Amino acid sequence: MVHNPETIQECIEKARQRLYQIANSHMELMHPEVIRQSMILDELINEYNKAIRLNGKTPRDKSPGMR
């Protein structure tokens, strides 16, 4: 399912913040919950990249893959 790139960006930001929270609470990057959230974030970034390819344009404000 492909969504609007801007909508996906919002989801990416929420997932990234959640990843930070989980990583900070467990203090271990290899913890299963950290890995699971990282995989969710990866999938959202892949969905974003697919939407960009299909729409042929990028939002001007920021790219979620690089920070």
N, C-alpha and C. Protein backbone atom coordinates (compact mmCIF):
# COMPACT_ATOMS: atom_id res chain seq x y z
N MET A 1 0.84 -1.17 0.00
CA MET A 1 0.00 0.00 0.00
C MET A 1 0.90 1.25 0.00
N VAL A 2 0.73 2.10 -0.96
CA VAL A 2 1.55 3.30 -1.08
C VAL A 2 0.74 4.51 -0.63
N HIS A 3 1.34 5.30 0.23
CA HIS A 3 0.71 6.50 0.75
C HIS A 3 1.45 7.74 0.25
N ASN A 4 0.94 8.84 0.63
CA ASN A 4 1.56 10.12 0.35
C ASN A 4 2.92 10.19 1.07
N PRO A 5 3.99 10.62 0.40
CA PRO A 5 5.32 10.69 1.05
C PRO A 5 5.32 11.53 2.32
N GLU A 6 4.54 12.60 2.36
CA GLU A 6 4.51 13.45 3.55
C GLU A 6 3.88 12.71 4.73
N THR A 7 2.85 11.92 4.44
CA THR A 7 2.21 11.13 5.49
C THR A 7 3.17 10.07 6.02
N ILE A 8 3.89 9.44 5.11
CA ILE A 8 4.86 8.42 5.51
C ILE A 8 5.96 9.06 6.35
N GLN A 9 6.38 10.28 6.00
CA GLN A 9 7.40 10.98 6.78
C GLN A 9 6.96 11.15 8.23
N GLU A 10 5.71 11.49 8.43
CA GLU A 10 5.19 11.64 9.79
C GLU A 10 5.29 10.32 10.56
N CYS A 11 4.93 9.24 9.90
CA CYS A 11 5.03 7.91 10.52
C CYS A 11 6.48 7.56 10.83
N ILE A 12 7.38 7.92 9.93
CA ILE A 12 8.80 7.65 10.14
C ILE A 12 9.29 8.39 11.36
N GLU A 13 8.92 9.65 11.50
CA GLU A 13 9.36 10.42 12.66
C GLU A 13 8.84 9.82 13.96
N LYS A 14 7.60 9.38 13.98
CA LYS A 14 7.05 8.75 15.18
C LYS A 14 7.76 7.45 15.49
N ALA A 15 8.02 6.65 14.45
CA ALA A 15 8.71 5.38 14.64
C ALA A 15 10.15 5.60 15.10
N ARG A 16 10.80 6.64 14.60
CA ARG A 16 12.16 6.95 15.01
C ARG A 16 12.20 7.37 16.49
N GLN A 17 11.26 8.20 16.89
CA GLN A 17 11.19 8.60 18.30
C GLN A 17 10.93 7.39 19.20
N ARG A 18 10.05 6.52 18.74
CA ARG A 18 9.77 5.30 19.51
C ARG A 18 11.02 4.43 19.63
N LEU A 19 11.78 4.33 18.56
CA LEU A 19 13.03 3.57 18.59
C LEU A 19 13.99 4.15 19.62
N TYR A 20 14.12 5.47 19.64
CA TYR A 20 14.99 6.12 20.64
C TYR A 20 14.52 5.80 22.06
N GLN A 21 13.22 5.86 22.28
CA GLN A 21 12.68 5.58 23.61
C GLN A 21 12.97 4.14 24.04
N ILE A 22 12.74 3.22 23.12
CA ILE A 22 12.97 1.81 23.44
C ILE A 22 14.45 1.55 23.70
N ALA A 23 15.30 2.09 22.84
CA ALA A 23 16.74 1.89 23.01
C ALA A 23 17.23 2.48 24.33
N ASN A 24 16.72 3.64 24.69
CA ASN A 24 17.13 4.26 25.96
C ASN A 24 16.62 3.48 27.16
N SER A 25 15.46 2.89 27.06
CA SER A 25 14.92 2.15 28.20
C SER A 25 15.63 0.82 28.41
N HIS A 26 16.11 0.21 27.35
CA HIS A 26 16.77 -1.09 27.47
C HIS A 26 18.29 -0.98 27.55
N MET A 27 18.82 0.15 27.11
CA MET A 27 20.27 0.38 27.14
C MET A 27 21.06 -0.74 26.45
N GLU A 28 20.43 -1.37 25.48
CA GLU A 28 21.08 -2.46 24.75
C GLU A 28 20.51 -2.48 23.33
N LEU A 29 21.35 -2.19 22.34
CA LEU A 29 20.87 -2.11 20.97
C LEU A 29 20.45 -3.47 20.39
N MET A 30 20.92 -4.55 20.98
CA MET A 30 20.56 -5.87 20.46
C MET A 30 19.33 -6.46 21.17
N HIS A 31 18.68 -5.67 21.99
CA HIS A 31 17.47 -6.15 22.66
C HIS A 31 16.40 -6.41 21.60
N PRO A 32 15.62 -7.47 21.74
CA PRO A 32 14.61 -7.82 20.72
C PRO A 32 13.62 -6.69 20.41
N GLU A 33 13.22 -5.92 21.41
CA GLU A 33 12.28 -4.82 21.15
C GLU A 33 12.93 -3.71 20.32
N VAL A 34 14.21 -3.45 20.56
CA VAL A 34 14.92 -2.44 19.78
C VAL A 34 15.03 -2.91 18.32
N ILE A 35 15.39 -4.15 18.14
CA ILE A 35 15.51 -4.71 16.79
C ILE A 35 14.16 -4.68 16.08
N ARG A 36 13.10 -5.04 16.78
CA ARG A 36 11.76 -5.05 16.19
C ARG A 36 11.35 -3.64 15.73
N GLN A 37 11.60 -2.64 16.59
CA GLN A 37 11.25 -1.27 16.22
C GLN A 37 12.12 -0.77 15.07
N SER A 38 13.37 -1.17 15.06
CA SER A 38 14.26 -0.80 13.96
C SER A 38 13.76 -1.37 12.63
N MET A 39 13.23 -2.58 12.67
CA MET A 39 12.68 -3.19 11.46
C MET A 39 11.43 -2.45 11.00
N ILE A 40 10.62 -2.00 11.93
CA ILE A 40 9.44 -1.21 11.58
C ILE A 40 9.87 0.08 10.89
N LEU A 41 10.86 0.73 11.46
CA LEU A 41 11.38 1.96 10.86
C LEU A 41 11.94 1.70 9.46
N ASP A 42 12.68 0.62 9.30
CA ASP A 42 13.21 0.26 7.98
C ASP A 42 12.09 0.09 6.95
N GLU A 43 11.03 -0.59 7.34
CA GLU A 43 9.91 -0.81 6.43
C GLU A 43 9.25 0.51 6.02
N LEU A 44 9.11 1.43 6.97
CA LEU A 44 8.54 2.73 6.65
C LEU A 44 9.43 3.52 5.68
N ILE A 45 10.73 3.45 5.89
CA ILE A 45 11.66 4.14 4.99
C ILE A 45 11.59 3.51 3.60
N ASN A 46 11.48 2.19 3.54
CA ASN A 46 11.32 1.54 2.23
C ASN A 46 10.02 1.96 1.56
N GLU A 47 8.95 2.06 2.33
CA GLU A 47 7.66 2.50 1.79
C GLU A 47 7.76 3.94 1.28
N TYR A 48 8.46 4.78 2.02
CA TYR A 48 8.67 6.17 1.62
C TYR A 48 9.42 6.21 0.28
N ASN A 49 10.50 5.46 0.18
CA ASN A 49 11.29 5.45 -1.05
C ASN A 49 10.47 4.94 -2.23
N LYS A 50 9.62 3.95 -2.00
CA LYS A 50 8.76 3.44 -3.07
C LYS A 50 7.76 4.52 -3.50
N ALA A 51 7.19 5.22 -2.54
CA ALA A 51 6.22 6.29 -2.86
C ALA A 51 6.90 7.39 -3.66
N ILE A 52 8.14 7.71 -3.32
CA ILE A 52 8.89 8.75 -4.04
C ILE A 52 9.12 8.30 -5.48
N ARG A 53 9.52 7.05 -5.66
CA ARG A 53 9.75 6.54 -7.02
C ARG A 53 8.47 6.59 -7.85
N LEU A 54 7.36 6.20 -7.25
CA LEU A 54 6.10 6.17 -7.98
C LEU A 54 5.54 7.56 -8.23
N ASN A 55 5.74 8.47 -7.30
CA ASN A 55 5.23 9.83 -7.45
C ASN A 55 6.19 10.72 -8.23
N GLY A 56 7.46 10.33 -8.27
CA GLY A 56 8.44 11.09 -9.03
C GLY A 56 8.85 12.41 -8.42
N LYS A 57 8.61 12.59 -7.12
CA LYS A 57 9.02 13.84 -6.47
C LYS A 57 9.28 13.59 -4.99
N THR A 58 10.07 14.47 -4.40
CA THR A 58 10.36 14.39 -2.97
C THR A 58 9.82 15.62 -2.26
N PRO A 59 9.40 15.45 -1.02
CA PRO A 59 9.03 16.62 -0.24
C PRO A 59 10.25 17.51 -0.05
N ARG A 60 10.09 18.79 -0.09
CA ARG A 60 11.21 19.72 -0.04
C ARG A 60 11.84 19.86 1.34
N ASP A 61 11.08 19.58 2.39
CA ASP A 61 11.58 19.91 3.72
C ASP A 61 12.67 18.99 4.24
N LYS A 62 12.53 17.67 4.13
CA LYS A 62 13.55 16.76 4.66
C LYS A 62 13.38 15.37 4.11
N SER A 63 14.45 14.63 4.13
CA SER A 63 14.44 13.24 3.71
C SER A 63 14.57 12.36 4.95
N PRO A 64 13.71 11.36 5.14
CA PRO A 64 13.72 10.60 6.38
C PRO A 64 14.87 9.60 6.50
N GLY A 65 15.49 9.25 5.40
CA GLY A 65 16.52 8.23 5.46
C GLY A 65 17.84 8.69 6.05
N MET A 66 18.10 9.97 6.05
CA MET A 66 19.39 10.47 6.53
C MET A 66 19.17 11.46 7.64
N ARG A 67 19.87 11.29 8.72
CA ARG A 67 19.81 12.22 9.85
C ARG A 67 21.18 12.46 10.38
